[in-house]
All heavy atoms as atom14 arrays in JSON, in Angstrom:
{
  "sequence": "YGVNINIGDYVNFSEVYKGEKGALDMDYYVLRDNLEKAKTHFKDA",
  "atom14_mask": [
    [1, 1, 1, 1, 1, 1, 1, 1, 1, 1, 1, 1, 0, 0],
    [1, 1, 1, 1, 0, 0, 0, 0, 0, 0, 0, 0, 0, 0],
    [1, 1, 1, 1, 1, 1, 1, 0, 0, 0, 0, 0, 0, 0],
    [1, 1, 1, 1, 1, 1, 1, 1, 0, 0, 0, 0, 0, 0],
    [1, 1, 1, 1, 1, 1, 1, 1, 0, 0, 0, 0, 0, 0],
    [1, 1, 1, 1, 1, 1, 1, 1, 0, 0, 0, 0, 0, 0],
    [1, 1, 1, 1, 1, 1, 1, 1, 0, 0, 0, 0, 0, 0],
    [1, 1, 1, 1, 0, 0, 0, 0, 0, 0, 0, 0, 0, 0],
    [1, 1, 1, 1, 1, 1, 1, 1, 0, 0, 0, 0, 0, 0],
    [1, 1, 1, 1, 1, 1, 1, 1, 1, 1, 1, 1, 0, 0],
    [1, 1, 1, 1, 1, 1, 1, 0, 0, 0, 0, 0, 0, 0],
    [1, 1, 1, 1, 1, 1, 1, 1, 0, 0, 0, 0, 0, 0],
    [1, 1, 1, 1, 1, 1, 1, 1, 1, 1, 1, 0, 0, 0],
    [1, 1, 1, 1, 1, 1, 0, 0, 0, 0, 0, 0, 0, 0],
    [1, 1, 1, 1, 1, 1, 1, 1, 1, 0, 0, 0, 0, 0],
    [1, 1, 1, 1, 1, 1, 1, 0, 0, 0, 0, 0, 0, 0],
    [1, 1, 1, 1, 1, 1, 1, 1, 1, 1, 1, 1, 0, 0],
    [1, 1, 1, 1, 1, 1, 1, 1, 1, 0, 0, 0, 0, 0],
    [1, 1, 1, 1, 0, 0, 0, 0, 0, 0, 0, 0, 0, 0],
    [1, 1, 1, 1, 1, 1, 1, 1, 1, 0, 0, 0, 0, 0],
    [1, 1, 1, 1, 1, 1, 1, 1, 1, 0, 0, 0, 0, 0],
    [1, 1, 1, 1, 0, 0, 0, 0, 0, 0, 0, 0, 0, 0],
    [1, 1, 1, 1, 1, 0, 0, 0, 0, 0, 0, 0, 0, 0],
    [1, 1, 1, 1, 1, 1, 1, 1, 0, 0, 0, 0, 0, 0],
    [1, 1, 1, 1, 1, 1, 1, 1, 0, 0, 0, 0, 0, 0],
    [1, 1, 1, 1, 1, 1, 1, 1, 0, 0, 0, 0, 0, 0],
    [1, 1, 1, 1, 1, 1, 1, 1, 0, 0, 0, 0, 0, 0],
    [1, 1, 1, 1, 1, 1, 1, 1, 1, 1, 1, 1, 0, 0],
    [1, 1, 1, 1, 1, 1, 1, 1, 1, 1, 1, 1, 0, 0],
    [1, 1, 1, 1, 1, 1, 1, 0, 0, 0, 0, 0, 0, 0],
    [1, 1, 1, 1, 1, 1, 1, 1, 0, 0, 0, 0, 0, 0],
    [1, 1, 1, 1, 1, 1, 1, 1, 1, 1, 1, 0, 0, 0],
    [1, 1, 1, 1, 1, 1, 1, 1, 0, 0, 0, 0, 0, 0],
    [1, 1, 1, 1, 1, 1, 1, 1, 0, 0, 0, 0, 0, 0],
    [1, 1, 1, 1, 1, 1, 1, 1, 0, 0, 0, 0, 0, 0],
    [1, 1, 1, 1, 1, 1, 1, 1, 1, 0, 0, 0, 0, 0],
    [1, 1, 1, 1, 1, 1, 1, 1, 1, 0, 0, 0, 0, 0],
    [1, 1, 1, 1, 1, 0, 0, 0, 0, 0, 0, 0, 0, 0],
    [1, 1, 1, 1, 1, 1, 1, 1, 1, 0, 0, 0, 0, 0],
    [1, 1, 1, 1, 1, 1, 1, 0, 0, 0, 0, 0, 0, 0],
    [1, 1, 1, 1, 1, 1, 1, 1, 1, 1, 0, 0, 0, 0],
    [1, 1, 1, 1, 1, 1, 1, 1, 1, 1, 1, 0, 0, 0],
    [1, 1, 1, 1, 1, 1, 1, 1, 1, 0, 0, 0, 0, 0],
    [1, 1, 1, 1, 1, 1, 1, 1, 0, 0, 0, 0, 0, 0],
    [1, 1, 1, 1, 1, 0, 0, 0, 0, 0, 0, 0, 0, 0]
  ],
  "atom14_positions": [
    [[-33.51, -25.76, 11.25], [-33.5, -25.69, 9.78], [-32.21, -25.01, 9.23], [-31.9, -25.19, 8.07], [-34.76, -25.14, 9.21], [-34.83, -23.61, 9.05], [-34.29, -23.01, 7.9], [-35.47, -22.83, 9.96], [-34.39, -21.63, 7.7], [-35.57, -21.5, 9.85], [-35.03, -20.93, 8.7], [-35.07, -19.61, 8.52], [0.0, 0.0, 0.0], [0.0, 0.0, 0.0]],
    [[-31.57, -24.26, 10.13], [-30.34, -23.64, 9.72], [-29.08, -24.54, 9.78], [-28.07, -24.18, 9.23], [0.0, 0.0, 0.0], [0.0, 0.0, 0.0], [0.0, 0.0, 0.0], [0.0, 0.0, 0.0], [0.0, 0.0, 0.0], [0.0, 0.0, 0.0], [0.0, 0.0, 0.0], [0.0, 0.0, 0.0], [0.0, 0.0, 0.0], [0.0, 0.0, 0.0]],
    [[-29.23, -25.66, 10.26], [-28.22, -26.71, 10.34], [-28.03, -27.38, 8.97], [-28.95, -27.84, 8.36], [-28.45, -27.81, 11.4], [-27.36, -28.89, 11.45], [-28.5, -27.09, 12.84], [0.0, 0.0, 0.0], [0.0, 0.0, 0.0], [0.0, 0.0, 0.0], [0.0, 0.0, 0.0], [0.0, 0.0, 0.0], [0.0, 0.0, 0.0], [0.0, 0.0, 0.0]],
    [[-26.76, -27.45, 8.45], [-26.6, -27.9, 7.11], [-25.38, -28.73, 6.89], [-24.38, -28.65, 7.65], [-26.85, -26.86, 5.9], [-25.72, -25.85, 5.97], [-24.84, -25.77, 6.92], [-25.53, -25.14, 4.93], [0.0, 0.0, 0.0], [0.0, 0.0, 0.0], [0.0, 0.0, 0.0], [0.0, 0.0, 0.0], [0.0, 0.0, 0.0], [0.0, 0.0, 0.0]],
    [[-25.43, -29.57, 5.81], [-24.3, -30.34, 5.29], [-24.09, -29.89, 3.85], [-25.08, -29.81, 3.18], [-24.55, -31.88, 5.38], [-24.54, -32.38, 6.86], [-23.64, -32.62, 4.49], [-24.86, -33.84, 6.98], [0.0, 0.0, 0.0], [0.0, 0.0, 0.0], [0.0, 0.0, 0.0], [0.0, 0.0, 0.0], [0.0, 0.0, 0.0], [0.0, 0.0, 0.0]],
    [[-22.9, -29.62, 3.55], [-22.56, -29.23, 2.18], [-21.31, -29.99, 1.78], [-20.28, -29.77, 2.44], [-22.27, -27.77, 1.95], [-23.48, -27.01, 2.45], [-24.5, -26.92, 1.87], [-23.3, -26.24, 3.57], [0.0, 0.0, 0.0], [0.0, 0.0, 0.0], [0.0, 0.0, 0.0], [0.0, 0.0, 0.0], [0.0, 0.0, 0.0], [0.0, 0.0, 0.0]],
    [[-21.4, -30.87, 0.77], [-20.22, -31.78, 0.42], [-19.88, -31.58, -1.01], [-20.78, -31.57, -1.88], [-20.64, -33.23, 0.68], [-21.05, -33.39, 2.21], [-19.48, -34.13, 0.24], [-21.61, -34.75, 2.47], [0.0, 0.0, 0.0], [0.0, 0.0, 0.0], [0.0, 0.0, 0.0], [0.0, 0.0, 0.0], [0.0, 0.0, 0.0], [0.0, 0.0, 0.0]],
    [[-18.61, -31.38, -1.26], [-18.1, -31.24, -2.62], [-16.63, -31.17, -2.78], [-15.89, -31.25, -1.72], [0.0, 0.0, 0.0], [0.0, 0.0, 0.0], [0.0, 0.0, 0.0], [0.0, 0.0, 0.0], [0.0, 0.0, 0.0], [0.0, 0.0, 0.0], [0.0, 0.0, 0.0], [0.0, 0.0, 0.0], [0.0, 0.0, 0.0], [0.0, 0.0, 0.0]],
    [[-16.17, -30.97, -3.93], [-14.73, -30.67, -4.19], [-14.37, -29.21, -4.03], [-14.17, -28.51, -5.01], [-14.35, -31.25, -5.63], [-12.84, -31.03, -5.97], [-12.12, -30.99, -4.98], [-12.58, -30.95, -7.15], [0.0, 0.0, 0.0], [0.0, 0.0, 0.0], [0.0, 0.0, 0.0], [0.0, 0.0, 0.0], [0.0, 0.0, 0.0], [0.0, 0.0, 0.0]],
    [[-14.46, -28.81, -2.8], [-14.43, -27.38, -2.45], [-12.91, -26.86, -2.4], [-12.02, -27.53, -1.97], [-15.09, -27.09, -1.12], [-16.65, -27.13, -1.09], [-17.3, -28.14, -0.32], [-17.31, -26.29, -1.95], [-18.69, -28.06, -0.37], [-18.69, -26.38, -1.95], [-19.38, -27.17, -1.12], [-20.73, -27.29, -1.21], [0.0, 0.0, 0.0], [0.0, 0.0, 0.0]],
    [[-12.86, -25.61, -2.8], [-11.69, -24.83, -2.49], [-12.08, -23.53, -1.68], [-13.26, -23.24, -1.83], [-10.87, -24.43, -3.71], [-10.19, -25.69, -4.37], [-11.76, -23.69, -4.65], [0.0, 0.0, 0.0], [0.0, 0.0, 0.0], [0.0, 0.0, 0.0], [0.0, 0.0, 0.0], [0.0, 0.0, 0.0], [0.0, 0.0, 0.0], [0.0, 0.0, 0.0]],
    [[-11.15, -22.89, -1.03], [-11.52, -21.93, -0.06], [-10.65, -20.65, -0.28], [-9.45, -20.74, -0.6], [-11.29, -22.42, 1.39], [-11.28, -21.27, 2.4], [-10.37, -20.93, 2.94], [-12.38, -20.7, 2.65], [0.0, 0.0, 0.0], [0.0, 0.0, 0.0], [0.0, 0.0, 0.0], [0.0, 0.0, 0.0], [0.0, 0.0, 0.0], [0.0, 0.0, 0.0]],
    [[-11.28, -19.46, -0.13], [-10.57, -18.21, 0.0], [-11.27, -17.45, 1.06], [-12.38, -17.73, 1.42], [-10.42, -17.55, -1.32], [-11.76, -17.04, -2.01], [-12.1, -15.65, -1.84], [-12.61, -17.86, -2.65], [-13.23, -15.14, -2.37], [-13.78, -17.4, -3.25], [-14.09, -16.01, -3.11], [0.0, 0.0, 0.0], [0.0, 0.0, 0.0], [0.0, 0.0, 0.0]],
    [[-10.61, -16.45, 1.66], [-11.17, -15.83, 2.79], [-10.68, -14.32, 2.85], [-9.76, -13.97, 2.18], [-10.87, -16.59, 4.02], [-9.54, -16.56, 4.24], [0.0, 0.0, 0.0], [0.0, 0.0, 0.0], [0.0, 0.0, 0.0], [0.0, 0.0, 0.0], [0.0, 0.0, 0.0], [0.0, 0.0, 0.0], [0.0, 0.0, 0.0], [0.0, 0.0, 0.0]],
    [[-11.33, -13.62, 3.81], [-10.95, -12.25, 4.06], [-11.36, -11.9, 5.44], [-12.2, -12.68, 6.0], [-11.45, -11.23, 3.04], [-13.0, -11.2, 3.05], [-13.59, -10.25, 1.95], [-13.16, -9.16, 1.86], [-14.51, -10.71, 1.28], [0.0, 0.0, 0.0], [0.0, 0.0, 0.0], [0.0, 0.0, 0.0], [0.0, 0.0, 0.0], [0.0, 0.0, 0.0]],
    [[-10.81, -10.86, 6.1], [-11.25, -10.39, 7.34], [-11.85, -9.11, 7.2], [-11.26, -8.09, 6.61], [-10.08, -10.33, 8.31], [-10.48, -9.76, 9.65], [-9.35, -11.66, 8.47], [0.0, 0.0, 0.0], [0.0, 0.0, 0.0], [0.0, 0.0, 0.0], [0.0, 0.0, 0.0], [0.0, 0.0, 0.0], [0.0, 0.0, 0.0], [0.0, 0.0, 0.0]],
    [[-13.15, -8.96, 7.63], [-13.88, -7.85, 7.55], [-13.84, -7.02, 8.87], [-14.0, -7.62, 9.96], [-15.37, -8.05, 7.11], [-16.28, -6.87, 7.15], [-16.23, -5.99, 6.05], [-17.13, -6.56, 8.11], [-17.03, -4.9, 6.05], [-17.89, -5.38, 8.19], [-17.83, -4.59, 7.01], [-18.66, -3.44, 7.03], [0.0, 0.0, 0.0], [0.0, 0.0, 0.0]],
    [[-13.51, -5.71, 8.82], [-13.52, -4.84, 10.01], [-14.88, -4.29, 10.31], [-15.35, -3.37, 9.65], [-12.49, -3.81, 9.86], [-11.07, -4.25, 9.79], [-9.99, -3.14, 9.52], [-8.67, -3.67, 9.46], [-7.69, -2.5, 9.25], [0.0, 0.0, 0.0], [0.0, 0.0, 0.0], [0.0, 0.0, 0.0], [0.0, 0.0, 0.0], [0.0, 0.0, 0.0]],
    [[-15.55, -5.03, 11.14], [-16.96, -4.81, 11.38], [-17.18, -3.9, 12.66], [-16.34, -3.58, 13.41], [0.0, 0.0, 0.0], [0.0, 0.0, 0.0], [0.0, 0.0, 0.0], [0.0, 0.0, 0.0], [0.0, 0.0, 0.0], [0.0, 0.0, 0.0], [0.0, 0.0, 0.0], [0.0, 0.0, 0.0], [0.0, 0.0, 0.0], [0.0, 0.0, 0.0]],
    [[-18.48, -3.88, 13.08], [-18.82, -3.07, 14.29], [-18.4, -3.73, 15.51], [-18.18, -3.11, 16.54], [-20.35, -2.94, 14.35], [-20.88, -1.9, 13.33], [-22.34, -1.52, 13.61], [-22.87, -1.73, 14.72], [-22.91, -0.86, 12.71], [0.0, 0.0, 0.0], [0.0, 0.0, 0.0], [0.0, 0.0, 0.0], [0.0, 0.0, 0.0], [0.0, 0.0, 0.0]],
    [[-18.17, -5.08, 15.53], [-17.69, -5.73, 16.74], [-16.24, -6.21, 16.59], [-15.79, -7.03, 17.37], [-18.57, -6.97, 17.07], [-19.96, -6.58, 17.55], [-20.84, -7.78, 17.83], [-20.39, -8.69, 18.88], [-21.26, -9.74, 19.21], [0.0, 0.0, 0.0], [0.0, 0.0, 0.0], [0.0, 0.0, 0.0], [0.0, 0.0, 0.0], [0.0, 0.0, 0.0]],
    [[-15.57, -5.66, 15.59], [-14.13, -6.06, 15.38], [-13.91, -6.86, 14.19], [-14.52, -6.69, 13.14], [0.0, 0.0, 0.0], [0.0, 0.0, 0.0], [0.0, 0.0, 0.0], [0.0, 0.0, 0.0], [0.0, 0.0, 0.0], [0.0, 0.0, 0.0], [0.0, 0.0, 0.0], [0.0, 0.0, 0.0], [0.0, 0.0, 0.0], [0.0, 0.0, 0.0]],
    [[-12.91, -7.73, 14.18], [-12.59, -8.59, 13.04], [-13.54, -9.72, 12.84], [-13.88, -10.52, 13.8], [-11.17, -9.09, 13.27], [0.0, 0.0, 0.0], [0.0, 0.0, 0.0], [0.0, 0.0, 0.0], [0.0, 0.0, 0.0], [0.0, 0.0, 0.0], [0.0, 0.0, 0.0], [0.0, 0.0, 0.0], [0.0, 0.0, 0.0], [0.0, 0.0, 0.0]],
    [[-14.12, -9.77, 11.68], [-15.03, -10.85, 11.36], [-14.46, -11.65, 10.17], [-14.11, -11.13, 9.07], [-16.45, -10.21, 10.81], [-17.43, -11.25, 10.25], [-17.83, -12.24, 11.25], [-18.59, -10.58, 9.66], [0.0, 0.0, 0.0], [0.0, 0.0, 0.0], [0.0, 0.0, 0.0], [0.0, 0.0, 0.0], [0.0, 0.0, 0.0], [0.0, 0.0, 0.0]],
    [[-14.3, -13.0, 10.5], [-13.8, -13.89, 9.34], [-14.88, -14.21, 8.32], [-15.97, -14.56, 8.72], [-13.34, -15.23, 9.98], [-12.06, -15.03, 10.79], [-11.23, -14.24, 10.5], [-12.08, -15.68, 11.88], [0.0, 0.0, 0.0], [0.0, 0.0, 0.0], [0.0, 0.0, 0.0], [0.0, 0.0, 0.0], [0.0, 0.0, 0.0], [0.0, 0.0, 0.0]],
    [[-14.65, -13.91, 7.11], [-15.53, -14.21, 6.02], [-14.9, -15.24, 5.09], [-13.92, -14.94, 4.43], [-15.92, -12.91, 5.27], [-16.56, -11.89, 6.15], [-17.17, -10.44, 5.24], [-18.53, -11.05, 4.33], [0.0, 0.0, 0.0], [0.0, 0.0, 0.0], [0.0, 0.0, 0.0], [0.0, 0.0, 0.0], [0.0, 0.0, 0.0], [0.0, 0.0, 0.0]],
    [[-15.44, -16.44, 5.12], [-14.9, -17.5, 4.24], [-15.78, -17.91, 3.16], [-16.97, -17.91, 3.34], [-14.66, -18.76, 5.15], [-13.34, -18.69, 5.97], [-12.34, -19.1, 5.3], [-13.35, -18.32, 7.03], [0.0, 0.0, 0.0], [0.0, 0.0, 0.0], [0.0, 0.0, 0.0], [0.0, 0.0, 0.0], [0.0, 0.0, 0.0], [0.0, 0.0, 0.0]],
    [[-15.16, -18.27, 1.99], [-15.97, -18.67, 0.83], [-15.44, -20.06, 0.36], [-14.29, -20.23, 0.12], [-15.69, -17.55, -0.29], [-15.95, -16.14, 0.24], [-14.84, -15.34, 0.54], [-17.17, -15.66, 0.52], [-15.0, -14.06, 1.03], [-17.36, -14.39, 0.94], [-16.28, -13.53, 1.24], [-16.45, -12.28, 1.72], [0.0, 0.0, 0.0], [0.0, 0.0, 0.0]],
    [[-16.41, -20.92, 0.17], [-16.22, -22.26, -0.37], [-16.9, -22.44, -1.6], [-18.08, -22.4, -1.66], [-16.61, -23.3, 0.71], [-15.8, -23.28, 2.06], [-16.06, -22.44, 3.1], [-14.66, -24.08, 2.15], [-15.33, -22.41, 4.26], [-13.91, -24.01, 3.42], [-14.25, -23.25, 4.36], [-13.48, -23.15, 5.55], [0.0, 0.0, 0.0], [0.0, 0.0, 0.0]],
    [[-16.08, -22.78, -2.67], [-16.74, -22.89, -4.0], [-16.13, -24.13, -4.69], [-15.09, -24.63, -4.27], [-16.49, -21.6, -4.86], [-17.08, -20.46, -4.19], [-15.03, -21.38, -5.05], [0.0, 0.0, 0.0], [0.0, 0.0, 0.0], [0.0, 0.0, 0.0], [0.0, 0.0, 0.0], [0.0, 0.0, 0.0], [0.0, 0.0, 0.0], [0.0, 0.0, 0.0]],
    [[-16.74, -24.59, -5.73], [-16.23, -25.64, -6.52], [-14.92, -25.23, -7.12], [-14.69, -24.09, -7.54], [-17.25, -26.17, -7.52], [-18.45, -26.79, -7.06], [-19.36, -27.18, -8.15], [-18.25, -27.99, -6.19], [0.0, 0.0, 0.0], [0.0, 0.0, 0.0], [0.0, 0.0, 0.0], [0.0, 0.0, 0.0], [0.0, 0.0, 0.0], [0.0, 0.0, 0.0]],
    [[-14.03, -26.23, -7.23], [-12.65, -25.88, -7.7], [-12.58, -25.17, -9.02], [-11.89, -24.17, -9.18], [-11.89, -27.28, -7.82], [-10.47, -27.12, -8.16], [-9.76, -28.53, -8.12], [-9.96, -29.14, -6.85], [-9.29, -28.83, -5.75], [-8.22, -28.03, -5.85], [-9.43, -29.48, -4.64], [0.0, 0.0, 0.0], [0.0, 0.0, 0.0], [0.0, 0.0, 0.0]],
    [[-13.47, -25.43, -9.95], [-13.48, -24.78, -11.25], [-13.96, -23.38, -11.21], [-13.82, -22.61, -12.12], [-14.35, -25.6, -12.26], [-13.74, -26.97, -12.61], [-12.53, -27.2, -12.23], [-14.37, -27.64, -13.32], [0.0, 0.0, 0.0], [0.0, 0.0, 0.0], [0.0, 0.0, 0.0], [0.0, 0.0, 0.0], [0.0, 0.0, 0.0], [0.0, 0.0, 0.0]],
    [[-14.67, -23.0, -10.06], [-15.33, -21.65, -10.03], [-14.5, -20.72, -9.16], [-15.02, -19.53, -8.86], [-16.72, -21.79, -9.42], [-17.61, -22.59, -10.46], [-17.39, -22.48, -11.59], [-18.57, -23.21, -9.9], [0.0, 0.0, 0.0], [0.0, 0.0, 0.0], [0.0, 0.0, 0.0], [0.0, 0.0, 0.0], [0.0, 0.0, 0.0], [0.0, 0.0, 0.0]],
    [[-13.36, -21.01, -8.78], [-12.52, -20.21, -7.81], [-12.31, -18.8, -8.32], [-12.62, -17.87, -7.59], [-11.21, -20.84, -7.46], [-10.24, -20.11, -6.54], [-10.96, -19.85, -5.19], [-8.95, -20.82, -6.33], [0.0, 0.0, 0.0], [0.0, 0.0, 0.0], [0.0, 0.0, 0.0], [0.0, 0.0, 0.0], [0.0, 0.0, 0.0], [0.0, 0.0, 0.0]],
    [[-11.82, -18.68, -9.54], [-11.46, -17.31, -9.99], [-12.67, -16.34, -10.14], [-12.6, -15.23, -9.8], [-10.65, -17.37, -11.33], [-9.29, -17.96, -11.04], [-8.5, -17.4, -9.96], [-8.4, -16.18, -9.92], [-7.9, -18.13, -9.1], [0.0, 0.0, 0.0], [0.0, 0.0, 0.0], [0.0, 0.0, 0.0], [0.0, 0.0, 0.0], [0.0, 0.0, 0.0]],
    [[-13.74, -16.88, -10.8], [-14.97, -16.08, -10.88], [-15.59, -15.75, -9.53], [-16.08, -14.6, -9.35], [-15.92, -16.6, -11.91], [-16.6, -17.88, -11.45], [-17.68, -18.26, -12.48], [-17.74, -19.66, -12.82], [-18.75, -20.03, -13.83], [0.0, 0.0, 0.0], [0.0, 0.0, 0.0], [0.0, 0.0, 0.0], [0.0, 0.0, 0.0], [0.0, 0.0, 0.0]],
    [[-15.43, -16.65, -8.54], [-16.05, -16.33, -7.25], [-15.27, -15.27, -6.64], [-15.84, -14.54, -5.93], [-15.96, -17.69, -6.44], [0.0, 0.0, 0.0], [0.0, 0.0, 0.0], [0.0, 0.0, 0.0], [0.0, 0.0, 0.0], [0.0, 0.0, 0.0], [0.0, 0.0, 0.0], [0.0, 0.0, 0.0], [0.0, 0.0, 0.0], [0.0, 0.0, 0.0]],
    [[-13.95, -15.15, -6.75], [-13.14, -14.17, -6.18], [-13.59, -12.72, -6.57], [-13.62, -11.78, -5.8], [-11.67, -14.38, -6.46], [-11.01, -15.51, -5.67], [-9.57, -15.56, -6.03], [-8.8, -16.71, -5.25], [-7.4, -16.84, -5.59], [0.0, 0.0, 0.0], [0.0, 0.0, 0.0], [0.0, 0.0, 0.0], [0.0, 0.0, 0.0], [0.0, 0.0, 0.0]],
    [[-14.07, -12.65, -7.82], [-14.6, -11.39, -8.29], [-16.12, -11.18, -7.87], [-16.54, -10.16, -7.31], [-14.53, -11.31, -9.77], [-13.08, -11.38, -10.15], [-15.03, -10.05, -10.34], [0.0, 0.0, 0.0], [0.0, 0.0, 0.0], [0.0, 0.0, 0.0], [0.0, 0.0, 0.0], [0.0, 0.0, 0.0], [0.0, 0.0, 0.0], [0.0, 0.0, 0.0]],
    [[-16.89, -12.21, -8.1], [-18.3, -12.11, -7.9], [-18.68, -11.93, -6.45], [-19.71, -11.21, -6.13], [-18.98, -13.31, -8.48], [-20.5, -13.12, -8.68], [-21.01, -12.35, -9.68], [-21.58, -13.5, -7.92], [-22.32, -12.31, -9.64], [-22.74, -13.05, -8.55], [0.0, 0.0, 0.0], [0.0, 0.0, 0.0], [0.0, 0.0, 0.0], [0.0, 0.0, 0.0]],
    [[-17.97, -12.59, -5.57], [-18.36, -12.51, -4.13], [-17.99, -11.25, -3.46], [-18.16, -11.11, -2.19], [-17.74, -13.75, -3.39], [-18.46, -15.06, -3.68], [-19.55, -15.14, -4.55], [-18.13, -16.22, -2.99], [-20.2, -16.35, -4.74], [-18.73, -17.42, -3.24], [-19.78, -17.42, -4.12], [0.0, 0.0, 0.0], [0.0, 0.0, 0.0], [0.0, 0.0, 0.0]],
    [[-17.54, -10.24, -4.24], [-17.26, -8.9, -3.63], [-18.58, -8.32, -3.06], [-18.51, -7.34, -2.29], [-16.59, -8.03, -4.65], [-15.12, -8.4, -4.88], [-14.51, -7.5, -5.92], [-13.06, -8.0, -6.12], [-12.39, -7.15, -7.18], [0.0, 0.0, 0.0], [0.0, 0.0, 0.0], [0.0, 0.0, 0.0], [0.0, 0.0, 0.0], [0.0, 0.0, 0.0]],
    [[-19.77, -8.77, -3.54], [-21.05, -8.35, -2.9], [-21.11, -8.7, -1.45], [-21.91, -8.03, -0.78], [-22.16, -8.99, -3.65], [-22.72, -8.1, -4.85], [-22.11, -6.96, -5.02], [-23.65, -8.46, -5.47], [0.0, 0.0, 0.0], [0.0, 0.0, 0.0], [0.0, 0.0, 0.0], [0.0, 0.0, 0.0], [0.0, 0.0, 0.0], [0.0, 0.0, 0.0]],
    [[-20.36, -9.67, -1.0], [-20.51, -10.15, 0.41], [-20.03, -9.03, 1.32], [-20.81, -8.72, 2.34], [-19.8, -11.53, 0.6], [0.0, 0.0, 0.0], [0.0, 0.0, 0.0], [0.0, 0.0, 0.0], [0.0, 0.0, 0.0], [0.0, 0.0, 0.0], [0.0, 0.0, 0.0], [0.0, 0.0, 0.0], [0.0, 0.0, 0.0], [0.0, 0.0, 0.0]]
  ]
}
């Protein structure tokens, strides 16, 4: 049930988190119009 398909007009931004096992890639895919607000709001991640 964890396997998924997500299709849209996505744009991406990312960061590298320094975690307990080293570098963790954290990627964010959002609709094109929501990019700027996502960059602020997804700081909870």
